[in-house]
């Protein structure tokens, strides 16, 4: 069997050990899985989604929020309600809402307005966190402090390379004090703007051209700032994605995984060149990312070629569980924002009346995890600003093998070949052939397998490659099995 192998579009097609096309599939182990389409779950926000998050109160109740340029919303059943502070907001087109949870408070930040807070179980609307709190593009929690980056305040104005933190244990107190330990640190401005704050036991601060670790040391310094890597960083804040103790991000030459001490390239000589040739870099701020722990895959949504005014129309995926193989894939799907969100409402058969007129017209099956309280699901907002889940009809998949010389030094007459695809309502194959690397590839007609699962072909050439297309969803696509060949002569 010729396995599809890793997605390696940056390498030559000839003698490529992996797949040269892996479109509308999810990388999984030593195969590829179907990529599900979107199913609409909710009504629409007022405008393009610019951030979303869910949180839980101390009793485990789930709250789901989203934001656009002028409002913050909370969902009730499937309807978004405006929970903005009076007067609304001014979230810039090239900015997003950043959320973090502190106790039962859900905090929301973007540089156009003061940090907002919503106490789950108590609040009916958001409110400004504190009169002393700065405005900030990014927010996170490091140990017992709320930390913000890329700030604005009335005293110093805009300081895009500044990191500030609250009083220890008190996110409402931002007055600089050695007693409360609230303070700030200006990073090296030559490294560009702060692009993200990754919280945890220690903080990771991304700039455009540096990665800095902030470690709690107590008074008087409070935090120690160590520039771990110069020359590494990101211009795409939405590409930063935390997975346990690791953080993935998009650098200027490809994707990286940062472990707290160093960055390791994960896409070089595999997908980096192909990705950057497709990426519309005028809309880097429209990139969003999320981890799917069920499939152990990171999803980056980005505006590729032929996008509509920066609307993301492509997904690139990395299976981090297969780090030794570094398996990638891509998908064509248009959406505004991707996230991983908990659903705040449990449904009974009676309460489903509020969602649909009949059981037959439900978007999701009755055994779907969407209807279970506290379920966290891979989610997205479509171009109608509606919350969706990836549980729709699978997208039509295309996978191509590299080009092989089946019989070294000679042409090969290929008569039968078998697609190794588990499932799928429709599977077709094409064979691409040529006799010299200077020639263009000639593709056979799309042909479906016969009753025994074989595809009858009549190809006599030196070099062969296979293209498999699958419609209707499938479980695994592993490769192609060469069933019957004979010598086709030399040239």
Protein backbone atom coordinates (compact mmCIF):
# COMPACT_ATOMS: atom_id res chain seq x y z
CA UNK A 1 0.00 0.00 0.00
CA UNK A 2 1.15 3.53 -0.78
CA UNK A 3 0.18 5.46 2.32
CA UNK A 4 -0.95 9.05 2.03
CA UNK A 5 1.60 9.96 4.68
CA UNK A 6 2.24 13.42 6.07
CA UNK A 7 0.95 16.44 4.15
CA UNK A 8 4.15 17.76 2.52
CA UNK A 9 3.18 20.31 -0.16
CA UNK A 10 6.45 22.26 0.24
CA UNK A 11 8.46 19.30 -1.10
CA UNK A 12 8.67 18.20 -4.76
CA UNK A 13 5.82 16.02 -5.95
CA UNK A 14 8.21 13.45 -7.40
CA UNK A 15 9.36 10.92 -4.81
CA UNK A 16 7.38 12.75 -2.14
CA UNK A 17 6.97 10.36 0.79
CA UNK A 18 3.76 12.04 1.93
CA UNK A 19 0.57 13.55 0.56
CA UNK A 20 0.82 16.54 -1.76
CA UNK A 21 -2.86 17.38 -1.26
CA UNK A 22 -4.80 16.81 1.99
CA UNK A 23 -7.87 18.99 1.61
CA UNK A 24 -11.00 18.96 3.79
CA UNK A 25 -9.61 16.28 6.08
CA UNK A 26 -8.40 16.15 9.69
CA UNK A 27 -4.94 14.64 10.36
CA UNK A 28 -5.26 11.61 12.60
CA UNK A 29 -2.64 9.00 13.51
CA UNK A 30 -1.42 7.45 10.29
CA UNK A 31 -4.55 8.40 8.35
CA UNK A 32 -6.93 11.27 7.66
CA UNK A 33 -10.49 11.69 8.96
CA UNK A 34 -13.50 13.51 7.56
CA UNK A 35 -13.85 17.24 8.18
CA UNK A 36 -17.42 18.03 9.28
CA UNK A 37 -19.25 21.09 8.04
CA UNK A 38 -21.03 23.65 10.19
CA UNK A 39 -24.45 23.28 11.83
CA UNK A 40 -26.12 26.50 12.99
CA UNK A 41 -26.94 26.59 16.70
CA UNK A 42 -27.93 30.16 17.58
CA UNK A 43 -29.37 33.38 16.34
CA UNK A 44 -27.08 36.14 15.12
CA UNK A 45 -24.91 38.71 16.84
CA UNK A 46 -25.37 42.28 15.69
CA UNK A 47 -22.14 42.28 13.68
CA UNK A 48 -18.99 40.26 12.98
CA UNK A 49 -17.86 38.16 15.92
CA UNK A 50 -14.62 39.54 17.38
CA UNK A 51 -14.22 37.11 20.27
CA UNK A 52 -16.09 34.53 22.33
CA UNK A 53 -15.61 32.64 25.59
CA UNK A 54 -17.46 30.51 28.10
CA UNK A 55 -17.02 30.30 31.86
CA UNK A 56 -18.39 28.47 34.89
CA UNK A 57 -19.49 29.76 38.27
CA UNK A 58 -18.68 27.95 41.51
CA UNK A 59 -21.76 25.75 41.13
CA UNK A 60 -20.66 24.58 37.69
CA UNK A 61 -23.26 26.59 35.76
CA UNK A 62 -22.06 27.60 32.31
CA UNK A 63 -22.17 31.12 30.85
CA UNK A 64 -21.44 31.79 27.19
CA UNK A 65 -20.39 35.21 25.87
CA UNK A 66 -19.40 36.79 22.57
CA UNK A 67 -18.48 40.25 21.39
CA UNK A 68 -18.59 42.38 18.26
CA UNK A 69 -17.36 45.91 17.58
CA UNK A 70 -19.90 47.63 19.82
CA UNK A 71 -21.49 45.04 22.10
CA UNK A 72 -20.96 42.11 24.42
CA UNK A 73 -23.57 39.37 24.40
CA UNK A 74 -24.66 36.47 26.58
CA UNK A 75 -26.58 33.55 25.12
CA UNK A 76 -29.89 32.33 26.55
CA UNK A 77 -30.95 29.04 24.99
CA UNK A 78 -30.11 29.98 21.39
CA UNK A 79 -30.65 33.76 21.53
CA UNK A 80 -27.94 36.33 22.12
CA UNK A 81 -28.86 39.09 24.58
CA UNK A 82 -27.03 42.41 24.83
CA UNK A 83 -25.19 42.58 28.18
CA UNK A 84 -23.01 45.58 27.35
CA UNK A 85 -22.33 48.39 29.73
CA UNK A 86 -24.44 51.47 28.98
CA UNK A 87 -23.28 53.18 25.79
CA UNK A 88 -21.61 50.11 24.31
CA UNK A 89 -18.02 49.78 23.13
CA UNK A 90 -15.50 50.74 20.47
CA UNK A 91 -13.62 47.57 19.54
CA UNK A 92 -11.48 48.41 16.51
CA UNK A 93 -11.83 46.44 13.28
CA UNK A 94 -8.26 45.12 13.64
CA UNK A 95 -8.76 44.07 17.27
CA UNK A 96 -10.56 41.30 19.14
CA UNK A 97 -12.08 40.81 22.57
CA UNK A 98 -9.77 38.85 24.87
CA UNK A 99 -11.37 36.97 27.77
CA UNK A 100 -10.08 35.39 30.97
CA UNK A 101 -11.76 34.10 34.12
CA UNK A 102 -10.96 35.23 37.67
CA UNK A 103 -13.00 33.34 40.23
CA UNK A 104 -16.59 33.86 39.20
CA UNK A 105 -15.73 36.95 37.16
CA UNK A 106 -15.42 36.79 33.39
CA UNK A 107 -13.06 39.60 32.32
CA UNK A 108 -13.06 41.03 28.79
CA UNK A 109 -10.41 43.32 27.32
CA UNK A 110 -9.80 45.26 24.12
CA UNK A 111 -7.93 48.53 23.83
CA UNK A 112 -10.90 50.73 22.94
CA UNK A 113 -12.56 50.54 26.39
CA UNK A 114 -11.79 49.79 30.06
CA UNK A 115 -11.48 46.14 31.05
CA UNK A 116 -14.99 44.75 31.54
CA UNK A 117 -16.20 42.32 34.21
CA UNK A 118 -19.26 40.09 34.55
CA UNK A 119 -19.84 38.19 37.80
CA UNK A 120 -21.45 34.90 36.82
CA UNK A 121 -24.50 34.17 38.92
CA UNK A 122 -24.90 37.83 39.93
CA UNK A 123 -24.42 40.31 37.09
CA UNK A 124 -27.00 41.14 34.46
CA UNK A 125 -24.61 43.29 32.39
CA UNK A 126 -20.90 43.88 32.12
CA UNK A 127 -19.33 46.78 34.01
CA UNK A 128 -15.95 48.48 34.05
CA UNK A 129 -13.58 46.48 36.23
CA UNK A 130 -12.02 49.43 38.04
CA UNK A 131 -11.37 53.14 37.62
CA UNK A 132 -7.66 52.44 38.11
CA UNK A 133 -7.46 49.63 35.56
CA UNK A 134 -5.83 50.45 32.21
CA UNK A 135 -7.27 49.67 28.82
CA UNK A 136 -5.48 46.77 27.19
CA UNK A 137 -5.49 44.60 24.08
CA UNK A 138 -4.59 41.36 25.91
CA UNK A 139 -5.39 39.83 29.27
CA UNK A 140 -4.57 36.71 31.27
CA UNK A 141 -4.12 35.39 34.81
CA UNK A 142 -0.61 34.65 36.07
CA UNK A 143 -0.59 33.04 39.53
CA UNK A 144 -2.62 35.44 41.74
CA UNK A 145 -2.56 38.43 39.40
CA UNK A 146 -4.59 39.65 36.47
CA UNK A 147 -2.05 40.66 33.82
CA UNK A 148 -2.66 42.87 30.79
CA UNK A 149 -0.45 43.79 27.86
CA UNK A 150 -0.30 46.50 25.19
CA UNK A 151 -1.94 49.14 27.37
CA UNK A 152 -3.44 52.60 27.36
CA UNK A 153 -4.06 54.83 30.37
CA UNK A 154 -4.78 58.53 30.82
CA UNK A 155 -1.39 59.21 32.44
CA UNK A 156 0.98 57.63 29.93
CA UNK A 157 -1.22 57.16 26.89
CA UNK A 158 -0.66 54.19 24.61
CA UNK A 159 2.31 51.98 25.56
CA UNK A 160 2.11 48.97 23.21
CA UNK A 161 5.18 47.27 24.75
CA UNK A 162 3.95 47.57 28.39
CA UNK A 163 2.81 44.76 30.71
CA UNK A 164 0.78 45.66 33.82
CA UNK A 165 -0.63 43.58 36.64
CA UNK A 166 -3.20 44.06 39.39
CA UNK A 167 -2.73 43.87 43.14
CA UNK A 168 -2.13 40.33 44.34
CA UNK A 169 -5.49 38.62 44.73
CA UNK A 170 -7.43 41.76 43.75
CA UNK A 171 -8.18 42.44 40.06
CA UNK A 172 -9.87 45.76 40.91
CA UNK A 173 -6.73 47.44 42.34
CA UNK A 174 -4.23 48.70 39.74
CA UNK A 175 -2.55 51.46 41.71
CA UNK A 176 1.21 50.91 41.69
CA UNK A 177 2.18 49.88 45.22
CA UNK A 178 4.94 47.83 46.84
CA UNK A 179 2.39 46.75 49.45
CA UNK A 180 -0.21 45.34 47.04
CA UNK A 181 2.48 44.39 44.48
CA UNK A 182 0.59 46.02 41.61
CA UNK A 183 3.09 47.37 39.07
CA UNK A 184 4.13 47.41 35.42
CA UNK A 185 7.08 46.54 33.19
CA UNK A 186 8.03 48.11 29.89
CA UNK A 187 9.62 45.55 27.60
CA UNK A 188 12.18 46.32 24.90
CA UNK A 189 10.33 48.54 22.42
CA UNK A 190 12.64 47.37 19.61
CA UNK A 191 10.88 44.00 19.82
CA UNK A 192 7.57 45.57 18.82
CA UNK A 193 4.10 45.49 20.30
CA UNK A 194 2.95 43.03 22.92
CA UNK A 195 0.83 40.54 20.96
CA UNK A 196 -0.45 38.25 23.66
CA UNK A 197 -0.42 37.27 27.35
CA UNK A 198 -0.39 33.53 28.10
CA UNK A 199 -1.24 32.88 31.75
CA UNK A 200 -0.45 30.09 34.18
CA UNK A 201 2.10 29.44 36.93
CA UNK A 202 4.34 31.81 34.98
CA UNK A 203 3.43 34.22 32.20
CA UNK A 204 4.52 34.15 28.57
CA UNK A 205 4.51 37.50 26.81
CA UNK A 206 4.61 37.50 23.02
CA UNK A 207 5.90 40.52 21.15
CA UNK A 208 6.33 40.83 17.41
CA UNK A 209 10.01 39.87 17.65
CA UNK A 210 10.56 38.39 21.12
CA UNK A 211 9.15 35.98 23.69
CA UNK A 212 9.51 36.89 27.37
CA UNK A 213 8.79 34.82 30.47
CA UNK A 214 7.49 36.58 33.59
CA UNK A 215 8.17 34.68 36.82
CA UNK A 216 6.83 35.65 40.23
CA UNK A 217 9.65 36.47 42.70
CA UNK A 218 7.78 38.57 45.29
CA UNK A 219 8.49 42.08 46.53
CA UNK A 220 10.07 44.38 45.63
CA UNK A 221 10.51 43.25 41.98
CA UNK A 222 7.28 41.15 42.05
CA UNK A 223 7.96 39.61 38.62
CA UNK A 224 11.24 38.76 36.93
CA UNK A 225 11.18 39.30 33.17
CA UNK A 226 13.51 37.12 31.07
CA UNK A 227 13.69 37.58 27.33
CA UNK A 228 13.82 33.90 26.40
CA UNK A 229 14.02 34.25 22.64
CA UNK A 230 14.89 37.28 20.55
CA UNK A 231 13.95 37.21 16.91
CA UNK A 232 10.98 34.92 17.58
CA UNK A 233 7.47 36.22 18.07
CA UNK A 234 4.32 36.78 16.08
CA UNK A 235 2.48 39.38 14.01
CA UNK A 236 -0.72 37.37 14.32
CA UNK A 237 -2.05 37.62 17.90
CA UNK A 238 -4.91 35.21 17.20
CA UNK A 239 -2.46 32.48 16.24
CA UNK A 240 -1.26 32.08 19.85
CA UNK A 241 -2.78 28.89 21.24
CA UNK A 242 -1.99 27.20 24.57
CA UNK A 243 -1.92 23.41 24.88
CA UNK A 244 -1.10 22.37 28.46
CA UNK A 245 2.44 23.59 29.13
CA UNK A 246 3.06 24.28 25.43
CA UNK A 247 2.12 27.29 23.33
CA UNK A 248 1.78 27.18 19.55
CA UNK A 249 2.05 30.30 17.40
CA UNK A 250 2.68 31.57 13.88
CA UNK A 251 6.12 33.11 13.37
CA UNK A 252 7.31 35.10 10.38
CA UNK A 253 8.50 31.94 8.59
CA UNK A 254 6.15 29.23 9.83
CA UNK A 255 4.51 27.65 12.86
CA UNK A 256 6.28 26.98 16.15
CA UNK A 257 5.72 25.24 19.47
CA UNK A 258 7.12 27.03 22.55
CA UNK A 259 7.78 24.98 25.72
CA UNK A 260 8.70 27.84 28.08
CA UNK A 261 12.40 27.79 27.18
CA UNK A 262 12.64 27.50 23.40
CA UNK A 263 10.63 27.47 20.19
CA UNK A 264 10.64 24.40 17.97
CA UNK A 265 9.60 24.68 14.30
CA UNK A 266 6.74 22.35 13.42
CA UNK A 267 5.94 23.28 9.81
CA UNK A 268 9.26 24.00 8.08
CA UNK A 269 9.92 22.03 4.86
CA UNK A 270 6.37 20.76 5.15
CA UNK A 271 3.63 23.43 4.87
CA UNK A 272 5.23 26.80 5.70
CA UNK A 273 5.85 28.00 2.12
CA UNK A 274 2.49 26.76 0.89
CA UNK A 275 0.72 28.43 3.80
CA UNK A 276 2.44 31.78 3.36
CA UNK A 277 1.85 31.78 -0.40
CA UNK A 278 -1.87 31.39 0.37
CA UNK A 279 -2.15 33.72 3.40
CA UNK A 280 -3.46 37.25 2.83
CA UNK A 281 -1.08 39.10 5.14
CA UNK A 282 -3.13 42.29 4.98
CA UNK A 283 -5.57 40.58 7.36
CA UNK A 284 -3.32 38.88 9.90
CA UNK A 285 -5.59 40.18 12.66
CA UNK A 286 -8.43 37.97 11.36
CA UNK A 287 -6.56 34.76 12.25
CA UNK A 288 -8.06 32.83 15.16
CA UNK A 289 -7.06 29.49 16.64
CA UNK A 290 -8.26 26.78 18.98
CA UNK A 291 -7.26 23.39 20.35
CA UNK A 292 -9.50 20.39 19.79
CA UNK A 293 -8.36 17.95 22.52
CA UNK A 294 -10.67 15.18 21.27
CA UNK A 295 -8.84 14.98 17.94
CA UNK A 296 -5.64 16.41 19.48
CA UNK A 297 -5.50 18.95 16.68
CA UNK A 298 -4.83 22.70 16.58
CA UNK A 299 -7.02 24.65 14.15
CA UNK A 300 -5.83 27.97 12.71
CA UNK A 301 -8.48 29.84 10.70
CA UNK A 302 -7.06 32.38 8.27
CA UNK A 303 -7.89 34.48 5.18
CA UNK A 304 -6.44 32.71 2.17
CA UNK A 305 -6.52 33.39 -1.55
CA UNK A 306 -9.82 34.72 -2.90
CA UNK A 307 -11.09 35.72 0.55
CA UNK A 308 -13.85 38.31 0.78
CA UNK A 309 -12.51 41.47 2.47
CA UNK A 310 -10.40 39.50 4.95
CA UNK A 311 -13.04 36.96 5.96
CA UNK A 312 -11.22 33.73 6.86
CA UNK A 313 -11.87 31.05 4.26
CA UNK A 314 -9.26 28.42 5.10
CA UNK A 315 -8.28 26.23 8.04
CA UNK A 316 -4.85 24.72 8.54
CA UNK A 317 -4.57 21.91 11.09
CA UNK A 318 -1.74 20.30 13.06
CA UNK A 319 -2.03 17.04 14.98
CA UNK A 320 0.15 17.71 18.02
CA UNK A 321 -0.23 14.15 19.30
CA UNK A 322 1.73 13.00 16.26
CA UNK A 323 4.62 15.35 16.90
CA UNK A 324 7.15 12.86 15.58
CA UNK A 325 5.27 12.83 12.26
CA UNK A 326 4.13 16.47 12.38
CA UNK A 327 0.98 15.67 10.41
CA UNK A 328 -0.89 18.60 8.81
CA UNK A 329 -3.94 19.16 6.61
CA UNK A 330 -6.11 22.00 5.32
CA UNK A 331 -9.81 22.70 4.73
CA UNK A 332 -11.87 25.18 2.75
CA UNK A 333 -14.52 26.70 5.00
CA UNK A 334 -15.60 30.31 5.48
CA UNK A 335 -16.25 31.66 8.98
CA UNK A 336 -15.60 34.66 11.20
CA UNK A 337 -14.09 33.21 14.36
CA UNK A 338 -13.26 29.80 15.81
CA UNK A 339 -13.40 28.88 19.51
CA UNK A 340 -14.00 26.04 21.94
CA UNK A 341 -17.11 26.80 23.98
CA UNK A 342 -19.27 25.19 26.63
CA UNK A 343 -23.02 25.06 26.10
CA UNK A 344 -24.91 26.64 29.02
CA UNK A 345 -28.24 24.82 28.82
CA UNK A 346 -29.35 21.23 29.31
CA UNK A 347 -32.37 20.24 27.24
CA UNK A 348 -35.20 17.81 27.82
CA UNK A 349 -37.49 16.52 25.08
CA UNK A 350 -40.09 19.06 26.21
CA UNK A 351 -37.70 22.02 26.16
CA UNK A 352 -36.56 21.19 22.61
CA UNK A 353 -39.80 22.86 21.49
CA UNK A 354 -38.02 26.19 22.01
CA UNK A 355 -35.35 25.18 19.49
CA UNK A 356 -37.29 23.54 16.69
CA UNK A 357 -40.86 22.98 15.58
CA UNK A 358 -40.31 19.23 15.36
CA UNK A 359 -37.74 16.57 16.25
CA UNK A 360 -37.26 15.84 12.56
CA UNK A 361 -36.11 19.40 11.86
CA UNK A 362 -33.47 19.55 14.62
CA UNK A 363 -30.03 20.54 13.35
CA UNK A 364 -28.41 17.92 15.64
CA UNK A 365 -29.31 14.33 16.45
CA UNK A 366 -30.84 13.60 19.86
CA UNK A 367 -27.65 11.85 21.02
CA UNK A 368 -25.46 14.83 20.07
CA UNK A 369 -23.26 16.20 22.84
CA UNK A 370 -24.61 19.68 22.02
CA UNK A 371 -27.71 19.01 24.14
CA UNK A 372 -25.71 18.01 27.25
CA UNK A 373 -25.02 20.64 29.91
CA UNK A 374 -21.39 21.76 30.33
CA UNK A 375 -20.28 20.06 27.14
CA UNK A 376 -17.35 21.86 25.52
CA UNK A 377 -17.51 21.79 21.74
CA UNK A 378 -15.44 23.01 18.83
CA UNK A 379 -17.38 26.06 17.69
CA UNK A 380 -17.36 28.82 15.12
CA UNK A 381 -19.28 31.89 14.04
CA UNK A 382 -20.36 31.87 10.41
CA UNK A 383 -20.58 34.92 8.16
CA UNK A 384 -24.16 35.52 9.36
CA UNK A 385 -22.66 36.02 12.86
CA UNK A 386 -24.38 32.85 14.13
CA UNK A 387 -22.82 30.34 16.51
CA UNK A 388 -22.26 26.99 14.82
CA UNK A 389 -20.80 23.61 15.67
CA UNK A 390 -18.74 21.30 13.52
CA UNK A 391 -21.38 18.61 13.29
CA UNK A 392 -22.78 19.14 9.81
CA UNK A 393 -22.36 17.20 6.58
CA UNK A 394 -18.74 16.27 5.95
CA UNK A 395 -16.94 18.37 3.37
CA UNK A 396 -15.88 16.72 0.13
CA UNK A 397 -12.31 15.53 0.66
CA UNK A 398 -9.39 15.30 -1.77
CA UNK A 399 -6.09 13.56 -1.03
CA UNK A 400 -3.19 13.01 -3.42
CA UNK A 401 -0.16 10.80 -3.06
CA UNK A 402 3.32 11.79 -4.10
CA UNK A 403 4.64 10.66 -7.48
CA UNK A 404 6.33 7.25 -7.60
CA UNK A 405 8.30 5.20 -10.12
CA UNK A 406 6.66 1.83 -9.46
CA UNK A 407 9.22 -0.17 -11.46
CA UNK A 408 12.62 1.55 -11.12
CA UNK A 409 14.10 2.44 -14.49
CA UNK A 410 11.06 1.30 -16.48
CA UNK A 411 7.53 2.19 -17.34
CA UNK A 412 4.75 0.35 -15.51
CA UNK A 413 1.37 -0.70 -16.85
CA UNK A 414 -1.08 -0.08 -13.99
CA UNK A 415 -4.31 -2.05 -14.35
CA UNK A 416 -6.04 -2.04 -10.97
CA UNK A 417 -5.72 0.06 -7.88
CA UNK A 418 -7.75 0.20 -4.68
CA UNK A 419 -8.53 3.27 -2.51
CA UNK A 420 -8.00 2.40 1.16
CA UNK A 421 -10.88 4.48 2.53
CA UNK A 422 -13.13 3.29 5.35
CA UNK A 423 -16.64 4.59 4.62
CA UNK A 424 -17.80 7.37 2.33
CA UNK A 425 -20.95 7.40 0.23
CA UNK A 426 -18.96 8.22 -2.90
CA UNK A 427 -15.29 7.44 -3.58
CA UNK A 428 -13.56 8.13 -6.88
CA UNK A 429 -9.98 7.88 -8.08
CA UNK A 430 -7.79 9.43 -10.74
CA UNK A 431 -4.30 8.43 -11.80
CA UNK A 432 -1.80 11.08 -12.86
CA UNK A 433 0.98 9.94 -15.19
CA UNK A 434 3.99 11.20 -17.09
CA UNK A 435 7.14 9.71 -18.56
CA UNK A 436 9.57 12.53 -17.81
CA UNK A 437 9.80 15.13 -15.05
CA UNK A 438 9.77 17.83 -17.73
CA UNK A 439 6.31 16.76 -18.91
CA UNK A 440 2.96 17.92 -17.59
CA UNK A 441 0.86 15.41 -15.70
CA UNK A 442 -2.02 13.73 -17.51
CA UNK A 443 -4.95 12.73 -15.29
CA UNK A 444 -7.33 9.89 -16.00
CA UNK A 445 -11.09 10.29 -15.66
CA UNK A 446 -12.64 10.03 -12.21
CA UNK A 447 -13.61 6.40 -11.67
CA UNK A 448 -15.50 4.74 -8.84
CA UNK A 449 -14.46 1.35 -7.42
CA UNK A 450 -16.19 -1.77 -8.71
CA UNK A 451 -18.05 -4.31 -6.59
CA UNK A 452 -14.77 -5.70 -5.20
CA UNK A 453 -13.46 -2.25 -4.27
CA UNK A 454 -10.96 -2.01 -7.13
CA UNK A 455 -10.65 0.76 -9.69
CA UNK A 456 -9.94 -0.45 -13.21
CA UNK A 457 -7.36 1.73 -14.95
CA UNK A 458 -5.27 1.60 -18.11
CA UNK A 459 -2.13 3.61 -17.49
CA UNK A 460 1.29 2.89 -18.94
CA UNK A 461 3.91 5.38 -17.77
CA UNK A 462 7.13 5.79 -15.83
CA UNK A 463 5.70 7.98 -13.07
CA UNK A 464 2.34 7.58 -11.30
CA UNK A 465 0.43 9.44 -8.63
CA UNK A 466 -3.09 8.91 -7.27
CA UNK A 467 -5.90 11.32 -6.40
CA UNK A 468 -8.73 10.12 -4.16
CA UNK A 469 -11.96 12.07 -3.69
CA UNK A 470 -14.49 11.19 -0.99
CA UNK A 471 -18.01 12.56 -0.52
CA UNK A 472 -20.47 11.81 2.24
CA UNK A 473 -18.07 11.42 5.12
CA UNK A 474 -15.70 8.61 6.07
CA UNK A 475 -13.81 7.20 9.05
CA UNK A 476 -10.24 6.82 7.82
CA UNK A 477 -8.39 7.42 4.55
CA UNK A 478 -5.04 5.61 4.62
CA UNK A 479 -3.74 5.43 1.06
CA UNK A 480 -3.98 3.39 -2.12
CA UNK A 481 -3.22 -0.27 -2.73
CA UNK A 482 -1.66 -1.28 -6.06
CA UNK A 483 -3.53 -4.45 -7.03
CA UNK A 484 -2.31 -5.31 -10.52
CA UNK A 485 0.67 -4.11 -12.55
CA UNK A 486 2.83 -5.38 -15.37
CA UNK A 487 5.96 -4.17 -17.08
CA UNK A 488 5.19 -1.39 -19.51
CA UNK A 489 8.53 -1.25 -21.31
CA UNK A 490 11.47 1.11 -21.04
CA UNK A 491 12.02 4.51 -22.49
